[in-house]
Amino acid sequence: MTGKRGKEDFNNMITDQQNRIARISGNGEPAEASPRVDPNFAERPKSLVPRKVLVVVALPVVVTLIGWVVHHRSHSNTASSAGAAAARGQTLPVPVVEGIVSTRDVPIYLDGLGTVQAFNTVIVHARVDGQLMKVAFTEGQEVKTGEVLAQLDPAPFQAALDQAAAKKAQDEAQLTNARVDLQRYADLLKTDGITQQIYDTQKSMVSQLEATVKADAAAAASARVNLDYTTIRSPIEGRVGIRQMDAGNIVHASDANGLVVLTQLRPISVVFTLPEQALPKLQQYQSPANDFLVLAVSRDNTNMLGQGKLAVIDNQIDTTTGTIKLKATFANEDLRLWPGQFVNTRLLLTTRTDSPVVPASVVQRGPEGGFAFVIQEDQTVKTRPLKVAQIEGGMALIDEGLKSGERVVVDGQYKLQPGSRVKPAEPPGDARKEVQKSSGGSKNLPEAKPRAAYETLRPIVELTLALTPALSPGEREHSSARFGDAKVSGNSDDFFAETKANGEDTGDFRKRLTRPLLFPLPGGEGQGEGERSQTFAADTGSQPDFLA
C-alpha cells in the first residue's frame, strides 16, 4: 500500500508540473509547454547538491595536478640540461653576432646650431619727403645695384634746383662787373688817380662776390641731389621683400619701416655657436692656407643644404652661455639657405687616416667607462676598455683599445661574461627557413603548440570529466529552481522573470546552466560527454580547431 501510494503521489507531482509549464503567459495566450521535461526524472538523482560539492572539490584538485605536472617537467628539463652540461665539463656556447675591426679615413666634425643671415640687409627709406608716385618693383623680385625701386614727386625739388641756378647766375654777373672795376682802379692807382683805400675796397668786393657764387653753386648742387633722391634705387644686388607702402602715400625720410627690405642671398652667411672647449682645437688646426670647411644641414640631419668656409671667429666668448660665435660664408647658388632659417652646422676640424672603427653597438658602457667584448682564438670572450673619439653614422672611432683585424661582439652582449664561450649566430632569415622545413611548412607551425599542450593535459581532462556528472535537459531545467531561495515553478522563464522583478541581475545565467564545465574529448563515450558535445556545438557552432 505504501509503495502504491508513493507512486500515485509521484504521478500527481508530474501532472502539477506539466500544468504549471503550460499556464497562461503575460500576453494572454497559452504558453508552449517546455519540451525539455524529462519523464524519467525519477530515475535521476534527486538532488544536485552532492554533484556541486563534487565539482567544487574536483576543480582545486585538477588545478593542483596541472601545476605539479608543469613544475615537475620544467624542473626535470632544467636539471637534465644542467646535468648534461656538467657531464661535458663546459657551458653551452652563447650565440652572438661577430664583427671585425676595420680601418678607414674618418672626418672629425664639431657640431653646432646656427642661424642663416643675409650677407647684406638694407631697409630702403625715402631720403626726402614727398608723395610716392610709382612703385617700380615686384615683391620677391631679384634686383641689381642701381635699379629703380620707386619714384617720388620731383616737381618741388626741380623748382628748388632752378631757383638755385638762377641765384648763381645773378651772383656770377655781379662778380664779373666787380672784377672789371677792380682792373680800372688798379690802372688809376698807378697814376695816382684814386687813393689806395678805394682800390682795396673794390678788391674786397670782388672776393665777396666770388664766395657768393660758390655758395650758389653749392645750393644748386644740393637741390640737384634732392631731385635725384626722388628716384629711389637699389643700393645692392639682392631680393626685395614685401612692400610696406603703396603708391599715393606721403613718405618721410624719418619713417621707421621704410618702403621695402632688400636682402642679399648670394652669398649668404650662417652664424653658429660652439662650446668654448672647442676653441683650443680650432686654434690648433687653424692655418692661413687652409680654411675650415663648414656644412649646413637641415634640422633633422637628413638634407645637406650647402657647403661653405669659416669666415671669422668672434673675438670674445659669451660669458652667459659659455659659447663662442663663428660665422661662415656660403655661395648659396641654389638658394637652399634662407635668412632666419635654423640649421645644424658641422665644422670639419680634421680627417684622421687609417683609424680603427667598429659598429656603435660594439661599445658597451660600464662603471669604469666604455668597453667591448673581444673574441679570442679559443672562441671565448674577454672585456677590453675602450677610448672612443666619436660615434658618427652608426660607427665608433676608437682611440685606444682595439686594433685592426680583431674580432668583437656586435650583438648578444647581454648574455656574456668574461670567459664565456660564444658561437656565431645564424641569420634570422635562414633560421626561420630551417624551422619551417623541419616542421613541414609554415602552415604546420601554429597548430603544433595547441595540439602538444592538449595532449599533455589529456589525462587530467579525462579525470575531470569522469568526476563531473552529466546533466540531462530535464535536470538542467528543473535544477534552476534550486538556485537561490525564491519559490518559483520549474519553468526557467518564470524563474528569470521573478528574479529580475526582485532586482537581481541574472545576466546570461541560462547559458551557464547548460554550458559544459570543460571541453569534450574527441570521440567521447557515455551520455554525459555526448550531451556536453551537443551543448558546446549549440553554443559556439563548432568545436575548437585543435580538438578536431
Protein backbone atom coordinates (compact mmCIF):
# COMPACT_ATOMS: atom_id res chain seq x y z
CA MET A 1 0.00 0.00 0.00
CA THR A 2 2.80 2.36 0.84
CA GLY A 3 4.61 1.79 -2.49
CA LYS A 4 1.38 2.17 -4.43
CA ARG A 5 0.54 5.41 -2.64
CA GLY A 6 4.05 6.81 -3.30
CA LYS A 7 3.71 6.08 -6.98
CA GLU A 8 0.37 7.91 -7.11
CA ASP A 9 1.92 10.92 -5.35
CA PHE A 10 4.72 10.95 -7.88
CA ASN A 11 2.27 10.90 -10.82
CA ASN A 12 0.33 13.78 -9.24
CA MET A 13 3.56 15.78 -8.94
CA ILE A 14 4.32 15.23 -12.65
CA THR A 15 0.78 16.36 -13.58
CA ASP A 16 1.10 19.54 -11.50
CA GLN A 17 4.47 20.25 -13.04
CA GLN A 18 3.08 19.98 -16.58
CA ASN A 19 0.15 22.23 -15.67
CA ARG A 20 2.48 24.91 -14.38
CA ILE A 21 4.58 24.75 -17.55
CA ALA A 22 1.53 25.19 -19.80
CA ARG A 23 -0.10 28.07 -17.86
CA ILE A 24 -1.10 31.36 -19.47
CA SER A 25 1.75 33.85 -20.28
CA GLY A 26 1.73 37.63 -19.79
CA ASN A 27 0.21 38.44 -23.24
CA GLY A 28 -2.95 36.38 -22.63
CA GLU A 29 -2.03 33.42 -24.89
CA PRO A 30 -1.25 29.91 -23.68
CA ALA A 31 2.46 29.40 -23.40
CA GLU A 32 4.03 26.49 -25.20
CA ALA A 33 4.87 23.62 -22.93
CA SER A 34 8.53 23.08 -22.41
CA PRO A 35 9.76 20.15 -24.50
CA ARG A 36 12.72 19.60 -22.21
CA VAL A 37 10.81 17.93 -19.28
CA ASP A 38 12.30 14.52 -18.72
CA PRO A 39 9.63 11.85 -17.95
CA ASN A 40 12.32 9.70 -16.42
CA PHE A 41 13.21 12.38 -13.95
CA ALA A 42 12.55 9.99 -11.09
CA GLU A 43 15.31 7.76 -12.33
CA ARG A 44 17.82 10.64 -11.96
CA PRO A 45 19.47 11.59 -8.69
CA LYS A 46 17.02 13.60 -6.58
CA SER A 47 19.40 16.38 -5.62
CA LEU A 48 22.28 18.23 -7.30
CA VAL A 49 23.91 19.24 -4.04
CA PRO A 50 26.27 16.23 -3.97
CA ARG A 51 27.27 16.96 -7.58
CA LYS A 52 28.03 20.59 -6.72
CA VAL A 53 30.15 19.57 -3.80
CA LEU A 54 31.97 17.07 -6.00
CA VAL A 55 32.68 19.71 -8.66
CA VAL A 56 33.94 22.22 -6.08
CA VAL A 57 36.24 19.58 -4.63
CA ALA A 58 37.41 18.30 -8.03
CA LEU A 59 38.41 21.67 -9.53
CA PRO A 60 41.13 22.55 -6.94
CA VAL A 61 42.47 19.02 -7.28
CA VAL A 62 42.69 19.44 -11.07
CA VAL A 63 44.43 22.82 -10.78
CA THR A 64 46.90 21.38 -8.28
CA LEU A 65 47.64 18.44 -10.60
CA ILE A 66 48.23 20.78 -13.57
CA GLY A 67 50.64 22.96 -11.58
CA TRP A 68 52.50 19.93 -10.27
CA VAL A 69 52.88 18.43 -13.77
CA VAL A 70 54.17 21.72 -15.27
CA HIS A 71 56.60 22.34 -12.39
CA HIS A 72 57.85 18.77 -12.43
CA ARG A 73 58.50 18.80 -16.18
CA SER A 74 60.26 22.19 -16.19
CA HIS A 75 62.39 21.18 -13.20
CA SER A 76 63.25 17.87 -14.87
CA ASN A 77 64.25 19.59 -18.12
CA THR A 78 66.42 22.14 -16.28
CA ALA A 79 68.08 19.50 -14.17
CA SER A 80 68.72 17.27 -17.17
CA SER A 81 70.22 20.18 -19.17
CA ALA A 82 72.42 21.22 -16.27
CA GLY A 83 73.49 17.63 -15.69
CA ALA A 84 74.36 17.17 -19.34
CA ALA A 85 76.39 20.38 -19.37
CA ALA A 86 78.17 19.38 -16.18
CA ALA A 87 78.87 15.98 -17.66
CA ARG A 88 80.53 17.62 -20.63
CA GLY A 89 82.53 19.79 -18.21
CA GLN A 90 81.73 23.01 -20.13
CA THR A 91 79.00 25.63 -20.57
CA LEU A 92 76.88 25.93 -23.65
CA PRO A 93 78.22 28.48 -26.19
CA VAL A 94 76.28 31.74 -26.44
CA PRO A 95 75.16 32.71 -29.96
CA VAL A 96 76.43 36.20 -30.84
CA VAL A 97 76.89 38.36 -33.92
CA GLU A 98 80.57 38.87 -34.69
CA GLY A 99 82.33 41.80 -36.30
CA ILE A 100 85.88 42.67 -37.33
CA VAL A 101 87.70 45.90 -36.51
CA SER A 102 88.41 47.79 -39.74
CA THR A 103 90.35 50.95 -40.61
CA ARG A 104 89.27 53.91 -42.69
CA ASP A 105 89.69 57.66 -43.03
CA VAL A 106 87.36 59.32 -40.54
CA PRO A 107 86.50 63.04 -40.61
CA ILE A 108 86.32 64.82 -37.25
CA TYR A 109 83.45 67.29 -37.00
CA LEU A 110 82.43 69.94 -34.48
CA ASP A 111 78.65 70.19 -34.42
CA GLY A 112 76.80 73.40 -33.64
CA LEU A 113 73.47 75.15 -34.05
CA GLY A 114 73.32 78.14 -36.36
CA THR A 115 71.05 80.75 -37.89
CA VAL A 116 71.15 81.84 -41.52
CA GLN A 117 71.69 85.57 -42.03
CA ALA A 118 71.61 87.56 -45.24
CA PHE A 119 75.02 88.66 -46.38
CA ASN A 120 73.65 92.23 -46.55
CA THR A 121 70.28 93.53 -45.38
CA VAL A 122 69.02 97.01 -46.35
CA ILE A 123 65.83 98.76 -45.28
CA VAL A 124 65.09 101.07 -48.18
CA HIS A 125 63.96 104.53 -46.95
CA ALA A 126 62.99 107.66 -48.81
CA ARG A 127 65.72 110.30 -48.30
CA VAL A 128 63.39 113.22 -48.96
CA ASP A 129 59.76 113.91 -48.12
CA GLY A 130 57.18 113.71 -50.86
CA GLN A 131 54.37 111.78 -52.45
CA LEU A 132 55.07 108.25 -53.66
CA MET A 133 54.18 108.38 -57.33
CA LYS A 134 55.27 104.91 -58.50
CA VAL A 135 56.42 101.53 -57.14
CA ALA A 136 58.74 100.09 -59.75
CA PHE A 137 59.43 96.65 -58.24
CA THR A 138 57.52 93.40 -57.76
CA GLU A 139 57.55 91.74 -54.37
CA GLY A 140 60.16 88.97 -54.31
CA GLN A 141 61.95 90.32 -57.37
CA GLU A 142 65.69 89.95 -57.86
CA VAL A 143 67.16 93.40 -58.49
CA LYS A 144 70.56 94.69 -59.50
CA THR A 145 72.54 97.53 -57.97
CA GLY A 146 71.17 100.92 -59.14
CA GLU A 147 67.85 99.53 -60.39
CA VAL A 148 64.88 101.85 -59.82
CA LEU A 149 62.60 100.76 -56.99
CA ALA A 150 60.24 103.76 -56.54
CA GLN A 151 59.61 107.31 -57.73
CA LEU A 152 58.60 110.34 -55.65
CA ASP A 153 57.06 113.55 -56.96
CA PRO A 154 60.09 115.54 -58.37
CA ALA A 155 58.35 118.85 -59.08
CA PRO A 156 59.15 120.70 -55.81
CA PHE A 157 62.77 119.64 -55.97
CA GLN A 158 63.10 120.62 -59.63
CA ALA A 159 61.82 124.12 -58.78
CA ALA A 160 64.33 124.43 -55.96
CA LEU A 161 67.12 123.46 -58.34
CA ASP A 162 66.05 126.05 -60.88
CA GLN A 163 65.93 128.73 -58.20
CA ALA A 164 69.43 127.91 -57.01
CA ALA A 165 70.73 128.03 -60.57
CA ALA A 166 69.20 131.47 -61.14
CA LYS A 167 70.68 132.87 -57.95
CA LYS A 168 74.08 131.59 -59.00
CA ALA A 169 73.84 133.26 -62.40
CA GLN A 170 72.92 136.58 -60.76
CA ASP A 171 75.89 136.50 -58.43
CA GLU A 172 78.24 135.49 -61.23
CA ALA A 173 77.20 138.64 -63.21
CA GLN A 174 77.93 140.87 -60.24
CA LEU A 175 81.30 139.21 -59.80
CA THR A 176 82.22 139.88 -63.41
CA ASN A 177 81.38 143.61 -63.07
CA ALA A 178 83.34 143.87 -59.83
CA ARG A 179 86.42 142.34 -61.44
CA VAL A 180 86.28 144.90 -64.29
CA ASP A 181 86.04 147.78 -61.81
CA LEU A 182 88.98 146.37 -59.87
CA GLN A 183 91.11 146.40 -63.02
CA ARG A 184 90.22 150.07 -63.68
CA TYR A 185 91.06 151.01 -60.09
CA ALA A 186 94.44 149.30 -60.44
CA ASP A 187 95.31 151.48 -63.51
CA LEU A 188 94.21 154.70 -61.79
CA LEU A 189 96.20 153.83 -58.71
CA LYS A 190 99.40 153.75 -60.78
CA THR A 191 98.80 157.41 -61.92
CA ASP A 192 97.61 158.46 -58.51
CA GLY A 193 94.10 158.92 -59.91
CA ILE A 194 92.49 157.22 -56.84
CA THR A 195 93.53 156.55 -53.35
CA GLN A 196 94.72 153.21 -52.07
CA GLN A 197 91.60 152.85 -49.92
CA ILE A 198 89.25 152.89 -52.89
CA TYR A 199 91.32 150.19 -54.58
CA ASP A 200 91.30 147.93 -51.50
CA THR A 201 87.54 148.29 -51.09
CA GLN A 202 86.90 147.19 -54.65
CA LYS A 203 89.24 144.26 -54.24
CA SER A 204 87.31 143.07 -51.19
CA MET A 205 84.05 143.36 -53.13
CA VAL A 206 85.40 141.01 -55.78
CA SER A 207 86.39 138.43 -53.19
CA GLN A 208 82.95 138.68 -51.57
CA LEU A 209 81.16 138.04 -54.83
CA GLU A 210 83.39 135.06 -55.59
CA ALA A 211 82.34 133.47 -52.29
CA THR A 212 78.69 134.18 -53.05
CA VAL A 213 78.97 132.43 -56.39
CA LYS A 214 80.48 129.37 -54.71
CA ALA A 215 77.60 129.29 -52.23
CA ASP A 216 75.14 129.50 -55.04
CA ALA A 217 76.87 126.57 -56.76
CA ALA A 218 76.62 124.50 -53.60
CA ALA A 219 72.94 125.33 -53.20
CA ALA A 220 72.30 124.31 -56.78
CA ALA A 221 74.17 121.06 -56.23
CA SER A 222 72.11 120.35 -53.10
CA ALA A 223 68.90 120.95 -54.99
CA ARG A 224 70.10 118.61 -57.72
CA VAL A 225 70.84 115.90 -55.13
CA ASN A 226 67.40 116.24 -53.58
CA LEU A 227 65.93 115.95 -57.02
CA ASP A 228 67.89 112.74 -57.57
CA TYR A 229 66.59 111.39 -54.25
CA THR A 230 63.08 111.42 -55.66
CA THR A 231 64.16 108.38 -57.69
CA ILE A 232 64.79 105.54 -55.21
CA ARG A 233 67.31 102.99 -56.49
CA SER A 234 68.58 99.65 -55.17
CA PRO A 235 71.82 100.09 -53.21
CA ILE A 236 72.83 96.38 -53.50
CA GLU A 237 72.10 93.31 -55.55
CA GLY A 238 69.54 91.13 -53.85
CA ARG A 239 65.90 90.22 -53.43
CA VAL A 240 63.18 92.62 -52.40
CA GLY A 241 60.64 91.64 -49.78
CA ILE A 242 57.07 92.70 -49.15
CA ARG A 243 56.48 96.41 -49.75
CA GLN A 244 55.49 98.46 -46.73
CA MET A 245 53.79 101.38 -48.53
CA ASP A 246 51.66 101.78 -51.63
CA ALA A 247 51.74 104.42 -54.32
CA GLY A 248 49.95 107.69 -53.48
CA ASN A 249 51.08 107.87 -49.87
CA ILE A 250 53.21 110.66 -48.46
CA VAL A 251 56.57 109.30 -47.36
CA HIS A 252 59.04 110.89 -44.99
CA ALA A 253 62.71 110.37 -44.52
CA SER A 254 62.05 109.71 -40.83
CA ASP A 255 59.66 106.78 -41.40
CA ALA A 256 60.75 103.75 -39.33
CA ASN A 257 59.52 100.93 -41.56
CA GLY A 258 60.77 102.24 -44.87
CA LEU A 259 59.46 101.21 -48.25
CA VAL A 260 60.83 97.68 -48.52
CA VAL A 261 63.54 95.39 -47.12
CA LEU A 262 66.26 94.27 -49.50
CA THR A 263 68.42 91.19 -48.69
CA GLN A 264 71.46 89.77 -50.43
CA LEU A 265 71.17 85.98 -50.71
CA ARG A 266 74.19 85.22 -52.90
CA PRO A 267 76.44 84.76 -50.99
CA ILE A 268 74.85 84.21 -47.60
CA SER A 269 76.13 83.84 -44.04
CA VAL A 270 75.49 81.37 -41.21
CA VAL A 271 76.24 82.41 -37.64
CA PHE A 272 76.61 79.46 -35.27
CA THR A 273 77.97 78.74 -31.81
CA LEU A 274 80.33 76.15 -30.39
CA PRO A 275 81.27 75.37 -26.80
CA GLU A 276 84.24 77.30 -25.50
CA GLN A 277 86.08 73.96 -25.13
CA ALA A 278 86.26 73.81 -28.94
CA LEU A 279 88.36 76.98 -29.18
CA PRO A 280 91.73 75.28 -28.45
CA LYS A 281 91.03 72.70 -31.17
CA LEU A 282 90.19 75.46 -33.64
CA GLN A 283 93.39 77.28 -32.80
CA GLN A 284 95.38 74.05 -33.09
CA TYR A 285 94.21 73.15 -36.61
CA GLN A 286 93.71 76.68 -37.99
CA SER A 287 96.12 77.88 -40.66
CA PRO A 288 96.05 80.78 -43.14
CA ALA A 289 96.41 78.43 -46.09
CA ASN A 290 93.60 76.10 -45.05
CA ASP A 291 90.14 77.45 -44.26
CA PHE A 292 87.80 75.28 -42.24
CA LEU A 293 85.02 73.63 -44.25
CA VAL A 294 81.53 74.16 -42.78
CA LEU A 295 78.48 72.11 -43.72
CA ALA A 296 74.91 73.36 -43.29
CA VAL A 297 72.46 70.52 -42.60
CA SER A 298 68.70 70.54 -42.07
CA ARG A 299 67.36 70.28 -38.52
CA ASP A 300 66.54 66.56 -38.94
CA ASN A 301 70.07 65.88 -40.28
CA THR A 302 68.70 64.38 -43.49
CA ASN A 303 69.42 67.05 -46.14
CA MET A 304 72.66 68.82 -46.99
CA LEU A 305 71.84 72.49 -47.57
CA GLY A 306 75.25 73.80 -48.58
CA GLN A 307 78.99 73.90 -48.10
CA GLY A 308 80.88 76.98 -47.08
CA LYS A 309 84.03 78.24 -45.42
CA LEU A 310 84.61 79.69 -42.00
CA ALA A 311 84.88 83.47 -42.31
CA VAL A 312 85.51 84.70 -38.78
CA ILE A 313 85.77 83.58 -35.15
CA ASP A 314 84.33 86.08 -32.72
CA ASN A 315 86.84 87.99 -30.59
CA GLN A 316 85.22 87.07 -27.27
CA ILE A 317 83.38 84.24 -25.50
CA ASP A 318 79.85 84.79 -24.29
CA THR A 319 80.12 84.52 -20.51
CA THR A 320 76.38 83.92 -20.14
CA THR A 321 76.25 80.75 -22.25
CA GLY A 322 79.92 79.71 -22.33
CA THR A 323 79.90 79.59 -26.12
CA ILE A 324 81.78 81.35 -28.90
CA LYS A 325 80.24 82.67 -32.11
CA LEU A 326 81.54 81.78 -35.55
CA LYS A 327 80.47 82.97 -38.99
CA ALA A 328 80.68 81.02 -42.23
CA THR A 329 80.01 82.15 -45.78
CA PHE A 330 78.10 80.04 -48.32
CA ALA A 331 77.77 80.61 -52.06
CA ASN A 332 74.08 79.59 -51.91
CA GLU A 333 73.67 79.33 -55.65
CA ASP A 334 70.59 77.12 -55.33
CA LEU A 335 69.04 79.36 -52.62
CA ARG A 336 68.53 76.43 -50.20
CA LEU A 337 69.64 78.67 -47.34
CA TRP A 338 67.23 81.41 -46.36
CA PRO A 339 67.61 84.28 -43.90
CA GLY A 340 66.29 83.42 -40.45
CA GLN A 341 66.48 79.65 -41.04
CA PHE A 342 67.75 77.42 -38.23
CA VAL A 343 70.30 74.85 -39.37
CA ASN A 344 72.73 72.37 -37.90
CA THR A 345 76.33 73.19 -38.70
CA ARG A 346 79.25 70.78 -38.95
CA LEU A 347 82.75 72.21 -38.96
CA LEU A 348 85.32 69.83 -40.42
CA LEU A 349 88.19 70.06 -37.98
CA THR A 350 90.49 67.42 -39.50
CA THR A 351 90.50 63.96 -41.08
CA ARG A 352 92.12 61.00 -39.31
CA THR A 353 93.56 58.46 -41.72
CA ASP A 354 93.69 54.67 -41.19
CA SER A 355 91.85 54.81 -37.88
CA PRO A 356 90.16 51.74 -36.29
CA VAL A 357 86.36 51.81 -36.44
CA VAL A 358 83.67 49.39 -35.24
CA PRO A 359 79.85 49.43 -35.23
CA ALA A 360 78.45 51.61 -32.47
CA SER A 361 76.74 48.61 -30.82
CA VAL A 362 80.17 47.13 -30.04
CA VAL A 363 80.80 49.85 -27.45
CA GLN A 364 79.27 48.94 -24.07
CA ARG A 365 79.04 51.16 -21.00
CA GLY A 366 80.16 50.13 -17.54
CA PRO A 367 81.10 51.72 -14.22
CA GLU A 368 84.64 52.31 -15.49
CA GLY A 369 83.62 53.66 -18.89
CA GLY A 370 83.36 52.12 -22.33
CA PHE A 371 84.44 48.57 -23.10
CA ALA A 372 83.99 45.85 -25.72
CA PHE A 373 83.85 42.06 -25.79
CA VAL A 374 86.80 40.76 -27.82
CA ILE A 375 86.62 37.20 -29.19
CA GLN A 376 89.75 35.13 -28.62
CA GLU A 377 91.05 32.32 -30.79
CA ASP A 378 89.52 29.69 -28.46
CA GLN A 379 86.06 31.24 -29.01
CA THR A 380 85.96 32.78 -25.53
CA VAL A 381 85.44 36.49 -24.87
CA LYS A 382 87.17 38.99 -22.64
CA THR A 383 86.39 42.61 -21.88
CA ARG A 384 88.69 45.37 -23.01
CA PRO A 385 88.40 49.06 -22.03
CA LEU A 386 87.96 51.50 -24.89
CA LYS A 387 88.58 55.16 -25.52
CA VAL A 388 86.08 56.37 -28.09
CA ALA A 389 86.82 59.53 -30.10
CA GLN A 390 83.38 59.94 -31.65
CA ILE A 391 80.33 57.98 -32.82
CA GLU A 392 79.16 59.04 -36.26
CA GLY A 393 76.74 57.37 -38.67
CA GLY A 394 76.49 54.20 -36.59
CA MET A 395 80.28 53.75 -36.48
CA ALA A 396 82.53 54.38 -33.48
CA LEU A 397 86.03 55.77 -33.93
CA ILE A 398 88.38 54.10 -31.44
CA ASP A 399 91.35 55.97 -30.00
CA GLU A 400 92.60 53.19 -27.75
CA GLY A 401 91.67 49.57 -27.01
CA LEU A 402 91.23 47.85 -30.38
CA LYS A 403 93.40 47.04 -33.38
CA SER A 404 92.56 46.35 -36.98
CA GLY A 405 91.54 42.73 -37.68
CA GLU A 406 90.39 41.83 -34.15
CA ARG A 407 87.03 40.10 -33.72
CA VAL A 408 84.46 41.75 -31.48
CA VAL A 409 80.88 41.02 -30.42
CA VAL A 410 78.38 43.22 -32.24
CA ASP A 411 75.14 41.85 -30.77
CA GLY A 412 74.22 39.49 -27.93
CA GLN A 413 76.40 41.04 -25.20
CA TYR A 414 73.69 40.85 -22.52
CA LYS A 415 74.31 37.11 -22.15
CA LEU A 416 78.09 37.35 -21.92
CA GLN A 417 80.58 37.42 -19.10
CA PRO A 418 84.38 37.41 -19.27
CA GLY A 419 85.41 33.90 -20.27
CA SER A 420 82.07 32.95 -21.86
CA ARG A 421 82.25 30.69 -24.88
CA VAL A 422 80.50 32.03 -27.99
CA LYS A 423 79.44 30.81 -31.39
CA PRO A 424 78.35 32.72 -34.50
CA ALA A 425 74.61 33.34 -34.55
CA GLU A 426 72.58 32.14 -37.54
CA PRO A 427 70.92 34.85 -39.62
CA PRO A 428 67.26 35.19 -38.64
CA GLY A 429 66.01 34.53 -42.17
CA ASP A 430 67.96 31.26 -42.53
CA ALA A 431 66.93 30.12 -39.08
CA ARG A 432 63.26 30.69 -39.93
CA LYS A 433 63.59 28.66 -43.14
CA GLU A 434 65.17 25.76 -41.26
CA VAL A 435 62.34 25.73 -38.70
CA GLN A 436 59.69 25.72 -41.43
CA LYS A 437 61.50 23.00 -43.36
CA SER A 438 61.78 20.70 -40.33
CA SER A 439 58.11 21.33 -39.43
CA GLY A 440 56.79 20.52 -42.89
CA GLY A 441 55.98 24.09 -43.89
CA SER A 442 54.81 27.27 -42.28
CA LYS A 443 51.18 26.08 -42.10
CA ASN A 444 52.03 23.44 -39.53
CA LEU A 445 53.72 25.84 -37.10
CA PRO A 446 50.64 27.45 -35.47
CA GLU A 447 48.97 24.05 -34.87
CA ALA A 448 51.92 22.33 -33.18
CA LYS A 449 51.79 24.13 -29.83
CA PRO A 450 47.99 23.83 -29.17
CA ARG A 451 48.00 20.15 -30.13
CA ALA A 452 51.02 19.42 -27.92
CA ALA A 453 49.52 21.33 -24.99
CA TYR A 454 46.24 19.46 -25.27
CA GLU A 455 47.93 16.05 -25.44
CA THR A 456 49.83 16.96 -22.25
CA LEU A 457 46.61 17.74 -20.37
CA ARG A 458 44.55 14.87 -21.83
CA PRO A 459 44.77 12.63 -18.69
CA ILE A 460 43.74 15.49 -16.41
CA VAL A 461 40.78 16.40 -18.64
CA GLU A 462 39.63 12.78 -18.73
CA LEU A 463 39.79 12.61 -14.93
CA THR A 464 37.76 15.81 -14.58
CA LEU A 465 35.06 14.56 -16.93
CA ALA A 466 34.89 11.30 -15.04
CA LEU A 467 34.39 13.14 -11.73
CA THR A 468 31.82 15.60 -13.15
CA PRO A 469 28.35 14.00 -13.56
CA ALA A 470 26.28 14.84 -16.61
CA LEU A 471 23.04 16.81 -16.51
CA SER A 472 20.16 15.81 -18.71
CA PRO A 473 17.94 18.52 -20.25
CA GLY A 474 15.27 17.83 -17.65
CA GLU A 475 17.77 18.15 -14.82
CA ARG A 476 19.08 21.45 -16.17
CA GLU A 477 15.55 22.87 -16.42
CA HIS A 478 14.28 21.67 -13.02
CA SER A 479 17.51 22.47 -11.28
CA SER A 480 17.01 26.19 -11.94
CA ALA A 481 14.57 26.42 -9.04
CA ARG A 482 17.25 25.21 -6.64
CA PHE A 483 19.45 28.24 -7.23
CA GLY A 484 18.51 30.79 -4.59
CA ASP A 485 15.73 30.74 -2.05
CA ALA A 486 12.95 32.00 -4.35
CA LYS A 487 9.95 29.70 -4.68
CA VAL A 488 9.29 29.52 -8.40
CA SER A 489 8.00 26.96 -10.85
CA GLY A 490 10.16 24.56 -12.76
CA ASN A 491 9.97 26.66 -15.90
CA SER A 492 13.14 28.67 -16.36
CA ASP A 493 11.25 31.57 -17.97
CA ASP A 494 9.29 32.08 -14.76
CA PHE A 495 12.47 31.81 -12.71
CA PHE A 496 14.22 34.57 -14.67
CA ALA A 497 11.14 36.80 -14.71
CA GLU A 498 10.70 36.60 -10.96
CA THR A 499 14.42 37.03 -10.32
CA LYS A 500 14.56 40.23 -12.39
CA ALA A 501 11.43 41.51 -10.65
CA ASN A 502 13.25 41.13 -7.33
CA GLY A 503 16.07 43.36 -8.58
CA GLU A 504 18.61 40.59 -9.23
CA ASP A 505 20.72 40.61 -12.37
CA THR A 506 20.85 37.11 -13.77
CA GLY A 507 22.94 38.05 -16.80
CA ASP A 508 23.44 35.16 -19.19
CA PHE A 509 22.64 32.65 -16.46
CA ARG A 510 20.57 30.39 -18.71
CA LYS A 511 23.62 29.53 -20.85
CA ARG A 512 25.75 28.94 -17.79
CA LEU A 513 23.24 26.31 -16.63
CA THR A 514 23.54 24.35 -19.89
CA ARG A 515 27.18 25.11 -20.89
CA PRO A 516 29.66 22.32 -20.01
CA LEU A 517 32.40 22.80 -17.43
CA LEU A 518 35.20 21.60 -19.76
CA PHE A 519 35.68 20.93 -23.46
CA PRO A 520 34.61 17.42 -24.56
CA LEU A 521 37.14 14.88 -25.71
CA PRO A 522 37.07 13.80 -29.34
CA GLY A 523 35.13 10.55 -29.65
CA GLY A 524 33.97 10.63 -26.02
CA GLU A 525 31.91 7.79 -24.68
CA GLY A 526 28.86 7.97 -22.48
CA GLN A 527 25.76 10.07 -22.31
CA GLY A 528 27.37 12.82 -20.22
CA GLU A 529 30.16 13.51 -22.75
CA GLY A 530 27.75 13.34 -25.68
CA GLU A 531 25.46 15.87 -24.08
CA ARG A 532 28.42 18.16 -23.42
CA SER A 533 29.48 17.90 -27.05
CA GLN A 534 25.99 18.79 -28.24
CA THR A 535 25.74 21.71 -25.80
CA PHE A 536 29.12 23.14 -26.86
CA ALA A 537 28.27 22.79 -30.56
CA ALA A 538 24.91 24.51 -30.00
CA ASP A 539 26.50 27.44 -28.18
CA THR A 540 29.55 28.03 -30.42
CA GLY A 541 28.61 26.48 -33.75
CA SER A 542 31.72 24.26 -33.86
CA GLN A 543 34.38 22.65 -31.73
CA PRO A 544 37.89 24.04 -31.21
CA ASP A 545 40.28 23.50 -34.13
CA PHE A 546 42.87 21.71 -32.05
CA LEU A 547 40.22 19.21 -30.85
CA ALA A 548 39.18 18.26 -34.38
